[in-house]
């Protein structure tokens, strides 16, 4: 079986009703990124950060995977599929994908707010994480999310998967968030590369990519036709 890697971004989940921080009127618009999504924000006001991610988590739990998530999961019938997602939701897993790598973390998990935070992750029961919730080392649990200014622990693993891909599918990402956006350039062995995005013509991608200028659901349907 050929190895197919899906690299997904926020446009993937937008059709499930999950807003991105670029959406007008979305949840992010009520907060400044510097107030809720940086290590400095946590040090300054951890309660505010917890409140923001609790709201995000609640929204994600109430949303359902869309048809594009389901179609990606179904690719496992014919390919060895790895999903690398920039999204912090768990919709790929809930749709049935079995190998999902979260570049920027998984909001359904928590981790220590201390220096050894990458050693262990803890599931969050329900949608609320409180400052009274502690890990075994006695420190407050924080969302399992990579904040702006932090390293991306899974970057090298993602890079290796993309380098080994026979087919690369990039879907629903603006390719503006680095270092994640640079991953597409490691697909050195891929015999086929696809970009699915309604704004594909405006994105800076190599000519080696087949462009499908559609949203995630329509684009995945189109892709399946091309892969037959």
C-alpha atoms as a PDB file:
ATOM      1  CA  UNK A   1       0.000   0.000   0.000  1.00  0.00           C
ATOM      2  CA  UNK A   2       1.198   3.480  -0.811  1.00  0.00           C
ATOM      3  CA  UNK A   3       1.789   5.986   1.970  1.00  0.00           C
ATOM      4  CA  UNK A   4      -0.616   8.931   1.793  1.00  0.00           C
ATOM      5  CA  UNK A   5      -0.092  11.903   4.074  1.00  0.00           C
ATOM      6  CA  UNK A   6      -2.837  14.445   4.693  1.00  0.00           C
ATOM      7  CA  UNK A   7      -1.717  17.857   5.975  1.00  0.00           C
ATOM      8  CA  UNK A   8      -4.798  19.690   7.245  1.00  0.00           C
ATOM      9  CA  UNK A   9      -5.478  23.178   8.543  1.00  0.00           C
ATOM     10  CA  UNK A  10      -8.297  25.255   9.959  1.00  0.00           C
ATOM     11  CA  UNK A  11     -10.328  25.229   6.742  1.00  0.00           C
ATOM     12  CA  UNK A  12     -10.781  21.518   7.337  1.00  0.00           C
ATOM     13  CA  UNK A  13     -12.734  22.126  10.543  1.00  0.00           C
ATOM     14  CA  UNK A  14     -14.448  25.318   9.438  1.00  0.00           C
ATOM     15  CA  UNK A  15     -17.141  23.274   7.704  1.00  0.00           C
ATOM     16  CA  UNK A  16     -17.901  21.656  11.043  1.00  0.00           C
ATOM     17  CA  UNK A  17     -18.566  25.098  12.504  1.00  0.00           C
ATOM     18  CA  UNK A  18     -15.249  25.606  14.287  1.00  0.00           C
ATOM     19  CA  UNK A  19     -14.065  29.174  13.813  1.00  0.00           C
ATOM     20  CA  UNK A  20     -10.441  30.060  13.149  1.00  0.00           C
ATOM     21  CA  UNK A  21      -8.669  33.012  14.711  1.00  0.00           C
ATOM     22  CA  UNK A  22      -8.969  34.800  11.357  1.00  0.00           C
ATOM     23  CA  UNK A  23     -12.763  34.553  11.241  1.00  0.00           C
ATOM     24  CA  UNK A  24     -14.755  37.736  11.738  1.00  0.00           C
ATOM     25  CA  UNK A  25     -17.182  37.351  14.608  1.00  0.00           C
ATOM     26  CA  UNK A  26     -15.488  34.156  15.777  1.00  0.00           C
ATOM     27  CA  UNK A  27     -14.362  33.286  19.263  1.00  0.00           C
ATOM     28  CA  UNK A  28     -10.843  34.556  18.679  1.00  0.00           C
ATOM     29  CA  UNK A  29     -12.106  38.026  17.833  1.00  0.00           C
ATOM     30  CA  UNK A  30     -13.154  38.568  21.444  1.00  0.00           C
ATOM     31  CA  UNK A  31      -9.563  38.162  22.626  1.00  0.00           C
ATOM     32  CA  UNK A  32      -6.132  39.390  21.629  1.00  0.00           C
ATOM     33  CA  UNK A  33      -3.783  36.525  20.800  1.00  0.00           C
ATOM     34  CA  UNK A  34      -1.214  38.007  23.177  1.00  0.00           C
ATOM     35  CA  UNK A  35      -3.741  37.680  26.014  1.00  0.00           C
ATOM     36  CA  UNK A  36      -4.561  33.992  25.578  1.00  0.00           C
ATOM     37  CA  UNK A  37      -2.130  32.139  23.323  1.00  0.00           C
ATOM     38  CA  UNK A  38       1.421  32.846  24.493  1.00  0.00           C
ATOM     39  CA  UNK A  39       3.568  31.649  27.411  1.00  0.00           C
ATOM     40  CA  UNK A  40       3.616  35.243  28.642  1.00  0.00           C
ATOM     41  CA  UNK A  41      -0.191  35.274  28.747  1.00  0.00           C
ATOM     42  CA  UNK A  42      -0.176  32.173  30.952  1.00  0.00           C
ATOM     43  CA  UNK A  43       2.264  33.765  33.380  1.00  0.00           C
ATOM     44  CA  UNK A  44       0.263  36.995  33.441  1.00  0.00           C
ATOM     45  CA  UNK A  45      -3.264  35.601  33.760  1.00  0.00           C
ATOM     46  CA  UNK A  46      -3.605  31.806  33.653  1.00  0.00           C
ATOM     47  CA  UNK A  47      -7.286  32.032  34.642  1.00  0.00           C
ATOM     48  CA  UNK A  48      -8.078  34.033  31.491  1.00  0.00           C
ATOM     49  CA  UNK A  49      -6.172  31.550  29.342  1.00  0.00           C
ATOM     50  CA  UNK A  50      -8.065  28.643  30.915  1.00  0.00           C
ATOM     51  CA  UNK A  51     -11.373  30.435  30.310  1.00  0.00           C
ATOM     52  CA  UNK A  52     -10.576  30.978  26.643  1.00  0.00           C
ATOM     53  CA  UNK A  53      -9.569  27.380  25.976  1.00  0.00           C
ATOM     54  CA  UNK A  54     -12.504  26.063  27.982  1.00  0.00           C
ATOM     55  CA  UNK A  55     -14.789  27.942  25.604  1.00  0.00           C
ATOM     56  CA  UNK A  56     -12.881  26.584  22.626  1.00  0.00           C
ATOM     57  CA  UNK A  57     -13.077  23.050  24.030  1.00  0.00           C
ATOM     58  CA  UNK A  58     -16.802  23.338  24.672  1.00  0.00           C
ATOM     59  CA  UNK A  59     -17.366  24.500  21.089  1.00  0.00           C
ATOM     60  CA  UNK A  60     -15.285  21.635  19.681  1.00  0.00           C
ATOM     61  CA  UNK A  61     -17.098  19.001  21.726  1.00  0.00           C
ATOM     62  CA  UNK A  62     -20.429  20.279  20.432  1.00  0.00           C
ATOM     63  CA  UNK A  63     -19.256  20.098  16.784  1.00  0.00           C
ATOM     64  CA  UNK A  64     -19.166  16.978  14.634  1.00  0.00           C
ATOM     65  CA  UNK A  65     -16.756  15.767  11.933  1.00  0.00           C
ATOM     66  CA  UNK A  66     -17.800  16.787   8.432  1.00  0.00           C
ATOM     67  CA  UNK A  67     -17.820  14.692   5.271  1.00  0.00           C
ATOM     68  CA  UNK A  68     -14.234  15.643   4.449  1.00  0.00           C
ATOM     69  CA  UNK A  69     -13.036  14.161   7.747  1.00  0.00           C
ATOM     70  CA  UNK A  70     -14.975  10.987   6.960  1.00  0.00           C
ATOM     71  CA  UNK A  71     -13.605  10.715   3.423  1.00  0.00           C
ATOM     72  CA  UNK A  72     -10.051  11.063   4.724  1.00  0.00           C
ATOM     73  CA  UNK A  73     -10.682   8.258   7.207  1.00  0.00           C
ATOM     74  CA  UNK A  74     -12.008   6.080   4.388  1.00  0.00           C
ATOM     75  CA  UNK A  75      -8.729   6.475   2.486  1.00  0.00           C
ATOM     76  CA  UNK A  76      -7.289   3.939   4.936  1.00  0.00           C
ATOM     77  CA  UNK A  77      -9.084   1.236   2.952  1.00  0.00           C
ATOM     78  CA  UNK A  78      -6.585   1.737   0.084  1.00  0.00           C
ATOM     79  CA  UNK A  79      -3.605   3.583   1.560  1.00  0.00           C
ATOM     80  CA  UNK A  80      -1.351   3.785   4.581  1.00  0.00           C
ATOM     81  CA  UNK A  81      -2.671   7.120   5.827  1.00  0.00           C
ATOM     82  CA  UNK A  82      -1.073   9.536   8.256  1.00  0.00           C
ATOM     83  CA  UNK A  83      -2.948  12.737   9.081  1.00  0.00           C
ATOM     84  CA  UNK A  84      -0.806  15.678  10.170  1.00  0.00           C
ATOM     85  CA  UNK A  85      -3.063  18.432  11.400  1.00  0.00           C
ATOM     86  CA  UNK A  86      -2.470  21.976  12.563  1.00  0.00           C
ATOM     87  CA  UNK A  87      -5.879  21.862  14.237  1.00  0.00           C
ATOM     88  CA  UNK A  88      -6.241  21.398  17.981  1.00  0.00           C
ATOM     89  CA  UNK A  89      -9.623  19.654  17.667  1.00  0.00           C
ATOM     90  CA  UNK A  90     -10.106  15.878  17.589  1.00  0.00           C
ATOM     91  CA  UNK A  91     -12.455  15.685  14.598  1.00  0.00           C
ATOM     92  CA  UNK A  92     -10.095  13.532  12.524  1.00  0.00           C
ATOM     93  CA  UNK A  93     -10.048  10.903  15.264  1.00  0.00           C
ATOM     94  CA  UNK A  94     -13.800  11.071  15.779  1.00  0.00           C
ATOM     95  CA  UNK A  95     -14.279  10.528  12.023  1.00  0.00           C
ATOM     96  CA  UNK A  96     -12.258   7.318  12.198  1.00  0.00           C
ATOM     97  CA  UNK A  97      -8.693   8.250  11.229  1.00  0.00           C
ATOM     98  CA  UNK A  98      -6.338   5.997  13.177  1.00  0.00           C
ATOM     99  CA  UNK A  99      -2.991   7.776  12.811  1.00  0.00           C
ATOM    100  CA  UNK A 100      -3.263  11.486  13.591  1.00  0.00           C
ATOM    101  CA  UNK A 101      -0.328  13.713  14.502  1.00  0.00           C
ATOM    102  CA  UNK A 102      -1.277  17.026  16.121  1.00  0.00           C
ATOM    103  CA  UNK A 103       1.377  19.623  15.307  1.00  0.00           C
ATOM    104  CA  UNK A 104      -0.099  22.267  17.579  1.00  0.00           C
ATOM    105  CA  UNK A 105      -1.538  20.046  20.272  1.00  0.00           C
ATOM    106  CA  UNK A 106      -4.908  18.527  21.149  1.00  0.00           C
ATOM    107  CA  UNK A 107      -7.316  20.640  23.166  1.00  0.00           C
ATOM    108  CA  UNK A 108      -8.985  17.512  24.598  1.00  0.00           C
ATOM    109  CA  UNK A 109      -5.748  16.858  26.531  1.00  0.00           C
ATOM    110  CA  UNK A 110      -3.838  18.740  29.218  1.00  0.00           C
ATOM    111  CA  UNK A 111      -0.221  18.769  30.316  1.00  0.00           C
ATOM    112  CA  UNK A 112       1.924  20.108  33.120  1.00  0.00           C
ATOM    113  CA  UNK A 113       2.608  23.829  33.141  1.00  0.00           C
ATOM    114  CA  UNK A 114       6.116  23.022  34.383  1.00  0.00           C
ATOM    115  CA  UNK A 115       9.392  22.513  32.502  1.00  0.00           C
ATOM    116  CA  UNK A 116       8.758  18.809  31.771  1.00  0.00           C
ATOM    117  CA  UNK A 117       5.434  19.425  30.087  1.00  0.00           C
ATOM    118  CA  UNK A 118       6.023  17.151  27.076  1.00  0.00           C
ATOM    119  CA  UNK A 119       6.571  14.015  29.160  1.00  0.00           C
ATOM    120  CA  UNK A 120       2.926  13.193  29.884  1.00  0.00           C
ATOM    121  CA  UNK A 121      -0.542  14.193  28.730  1.00  0.00           C
ATOM    122  CA  UNK A 122      -3.795  13.881  30.638  1.00  0.00           C
ATOM    123  CA  UNK A 123      -7.333  13.572  29.202  1.00  0.00           C
ATOM    124  CA  UNK A 124      -9.785  16.283  30.193  1.00  0.00           C
ATOM    125  CA  UNK A 125     -13.132  15.035  31.445  1.00  0.00           C
ATOM    126  CA  UNK A 126     -15.816  17.223  29.929  1.00  0.00           C
ATOM    127  CA  UNK A 127     -14.919  20.663  28.625  1.00  0.00           C
ATOM    128  CA  UNK A 128     -13.610  22.554  31.648  1.00  0.00           C
ATOM    129  CA  UNK A 129     -10.035  22.688  32.923  1.00  0.00           C
ATOM    130  CA  UNK A 130      -9.548  24.590  36.188  1.00  0.00           C
ATOM    131  CA  UNK A 131      -6.550  26.102  37.888  1.00  0.00           C
ATOM    132  CA  UNK A 132      -7.210  23.703  40.752  1.00  0.00           C
ATOM    133  CA  UNK A 133      -6.547  20.736  38.427  1.00  0.00           C
ATOM    134  CA  UNK A 134      -3.010  19.567  39.114  1.00  0.00           C
ATOM    135  CA  UNK A 135      -0.697  16.993  37.528  1.00  0.00           C
ATOM    136  CA  UNK A 136       1.323  14.503  39.632  1.00  0.00           C
ATOM    137  CA  UNK A 137       4.184  17.004  40.033  1.00  0.00           C
ATOM    138  CA  UNK A 138       1.776  19.368  41.785  1.00  0.00           C
ATOM    139  CA  UNK A 139       1.717  22.021  39.071  1.00  0.00           C
ATOM    140  CA  UNK A 140      -1.379  23.414  37.404  1.00  0.00           C
ATOM    141  CA  UNK A 141      -2.504  21.597  34.268  1.00  0.00           C
ATOM    142  CA  UNK A 142      -2.517  23.739  31.113  1.00  0.00           C
ATOM    143  CA  UNK A 143      -4.089  23.033  27.722  1.00  0.00           C
ATOM    144  CA  UNK A 144      -2.107  20.691  25.478  1.00  0.00           C
ATOM    145  CA  UNK A 145      -1.685  23.431  22.893  1.00  0.00           C
ATOM    146  CA  UNK A 146       1.420  24.889  21.281  1.00  0.00           C
ATOM    147  CA  UNK A 147       1.285  28.627  21.883  1.00  0.00           C
ATOM    148  CA  UNK A 148       2.809  31.350  19.735  1.00  0.00           C
ATOM    149  CA  UNK A 149       6.492  31.573  20.569  1.00  0.00           C
ATOM    150  CA  UNK A 150       6.800  27.918  21.649  1.00  0.00           C
ATOM    151  CA  UNK A 151       8.630  25.154  19.820  1.00  0.00           C
ATOM    152  CA  UNK A 152       6.630  22.598  17.825  1.00  0.00           C
ATOM    153  CA  UNK A 153       7.671  19.283  19.437  1.00  0.00           C
ATOM    154  CA  UNK A 154       6.235  17.072  16.680  1.00  0.00           C
ATOM    155  CA  UNK A 155       7.744  19.003  13.770  1.00  0.00           C
ATOM    156  CA  UNK A 156      10.583  16.573  13.052  1.00  0.00           C
ATOM    157  CA  UNK A 157       8.218  13.585  13.201  1.00  0.00           C
ATOM    158  CA  UNK A 158       5.858  15.323  10.766  1.00  0.00           C
ATOM    159  CA  UNK A 159       8.745  16.175   8.478  1.00  0.00           C
ATOM    160  CA  UNK A 160       9.783  12.515   8.333  1.00  0.00           C
ATOM    161  CA  UNK A 161       6.253  11.363   7.467  1.00  0.00           C
ATOM    162  CA  UNK A 162       6.010  13.892   4.635  1.00  0.00           C
ATOM    163  CA  UNK A 163       9.445  12.940   3.321  1.00  0.00           C
ATOM    164  CA  UNK A 164       8.268   9.313   3.124  1.00  0.00           C
ATOM    165  CA  UNK A 165       4.929  10.109   1.470  1.00  0.00           C
ATOM    166  CA  UNK A 166       4.030   8.677  -1.925  1.00  0.00           C
ATOM    167  CA  UNK A 167       1.054  11.046  -2.048  1.00  0.00           C
ATOM    168  CA  UNK A 168       0.698  14.353  -0.179  1.00  0.00           C
ATOM    169  CA  UNK A 169      -2.678  16.048   0.276  1.00  0.00           C
ATOM    170  CA  UNK A 170      -2.649  19.591   1.689  1.00  0.00           C
ATOM    171  CA  UNK A 171      -6.137  20.693   2.670  1.00  0.00           C
ATOM    172  CA  UNK A 172      -7.696  23.737   4.314  1.00  0.00           C
ATOM    173  CA  UNK A 173      -4.529  25.598   5.280  1.00  0.00           C
ATOM    174  CA  UNK A 174      -3.467  29.101   4.305  1.00  0.00           C
ATOM    175  CA  UNK A 175       0.206  28.033   4.565  1.00  0.00           C
ATOM    176  CA  UNK A 176       0.909  31.239   6.477  1.00  0.00           C
ATOM    177  CA  UNK A 177       1.732  29.794   9.908  1.00  0.00           C
ATOM    178  CA  UNK A 178       5.384  28.850  10.283  1.00  0.00           C
ATOM    179  CA  UNK A 179       7.220  26.618  10.838  1.00  0.00           C
ATOM    180  CA  UNK A 180       4.295  24.326   9.926  1.00  0.00           C
ATOM    181  CA  UNK A 181       3.848  25.816   6.447  1.00  0.00           C
ATOM    182  CA  UNK A 182       7.391  24.817   5.516  1.00  0.00           C
ATOM    183  CA  UNK A 183       6.594  21.123   5.856  1.00  0.00           C
ATOM    184  CA  UNK A 184       5.233  20.830   2.315  1.00  0.00           C
ATOM    185  CA  UNK A 185       8.729  21.327   0.905  1.00  0.00           C
ATOM    186  CA  UNK A 186       9.885  18.018   2.427  1.00  0.00           C
ATOM    187  CA  UNK A 187       7.688  15.933   0.096  1.00  0.00           C
ATOM    188  CA  UNK A 188      10.750  15.037  -1.951  1.00  0.00           C
ATOM    189  CA  UNK A 189       9.661  11.487  -2.763  1.00  0.00           C
ATOM    190  CA  UNK A 190       5.972  12.102  -3.459  1.00  0.00           C
ATOM    191  CA  UNK A 191       4.762  11.000  -6.864  1.00  0.00           C
ATOM    192  CA  UNK A 192       1.657  13.175  -6.488  1.00  0.00           C
ATOM    193  CA  UNK A 193       0.914  16.341  -4.495  1.00  0.00           C
ATOM    194  CA  UNK A 194      -2.476  18.016  -4.120  1.00  0.00           C
ATOM    195  CA  UNK A 195      -3.626  21.313  -2.634  1.00  0.00           C
ATOM    196  CA  UNK A 196      -7.311  21.625  -1.707  1.00  0.00           C
ATOM    197  CA  UNK A 197      -8.373  25.145  -0.764  1.00  0.00           C
ATOM    198  CA  UNK A 198     -10.949  27.609  -2.120  1.00  0.00           C
ATOM    199  CA  UNK A 199      -8.211  30.281  -2.171  1.00  0.00           C
ATOM    200  CA  UNK A 200      -5.622  27.983  -3.713  1.00  0.00           C
ATOM    201  CA  UNK A 201      -4.773  30.436  -6.510  1.00  0.00           C
ATOM    202  CA  UNK A 202      -3.576  32.963  -3.923  1.00  0.00           C
ATOM    203  CA  UNK A 203      -1.342  30.547  -2.026  1.00  0.00           C
ATOM    204  CA  UNK A 204       2.369  30.160  -2.614  1.00  0.00           C
ATOM    205  CA  UNK A 205       2.897  26.496  -3.503  1.00  0.00           C
ATOM    206  CA  UNK A 206       5.311  24.780  -5.893  1.00  0.00           C
ATOM    207  CA  UNK A 207       4.129  24.051  -9.430  1.00  0.00           C
ATOM    208  CA  UNK A 208       4.376  20.344  -8.655  1.00  0.00           C
ATOM    209  CA  UNK A 209       1.063  20.556  -6.776  1.00  0.00           C
ATOM    210  CA  UNK A 210      -2.203  19.716  -8.437  1.00  0.00           C
ATOM    211  CA  UNK A 211      -4.578  22.466  -7.332  1.00  0.00           C
ATOM    212  CA  UNK A 212      -8.204  21.788  -6.388  1.00  0.00           C
ATOM    213  CA  UNK A 213      -9.777  25.215  -5.675  1.00  0.00           C
ATOM    214  CA  UNK A 214     -12.644  23.970  -3.533  1.00  0.00           C
ATOM    215  CA  UNK A 215     -13.609  23.787   0.104  1.00  0.00           C
ATOM    216  CA  UNK A 216     -12.688  20.717   2.124  1.00  0.00           C
ATOM    217  CA  UNK A 217     -15.806  18.617   1.489  1.00  0.00           C
ATOM    218  CA  UNK A 218     -16.076  19.299  -2.253  1.00  0.00           C
ATOM    219  CA  UNK A 219     -12.325  19.065  -2.655  1.00  0.00           C
ATOM    220  CA  UNK A 220     -12.108  15.657  -1.007  1.00  0.00           C
ATOM    221  CA  UNK A 221     -14.870  14.348  -3.276  1.00  0.00           C
ATOM    222  CA  UNK A 222     -12.926  15.646  -6.278  1.00  0.00           C
ATOM    223  CA  UNK A 223      -9.694  14.135  -4.986  1.00  0.00           C
ATOM    224  CA  UNK A 224     -11.236  10.702  -4.609  1.00  0.00           C
ATOM    225  CA  UNK A 225     -12.240  10.841  -8.281  1.00  0.00           C
ATOM    226  CA  UNK A 226      -8.647  11.643  -9.256  1.00  0.00           C
ATOM    227  CA  UNK A 227      -7.179   8.888  -7.073  1.00  0.00           C
ATOM    228  CA  UNK A 228      -9.313   6.156  -8.688  1.00  0.00           C
END
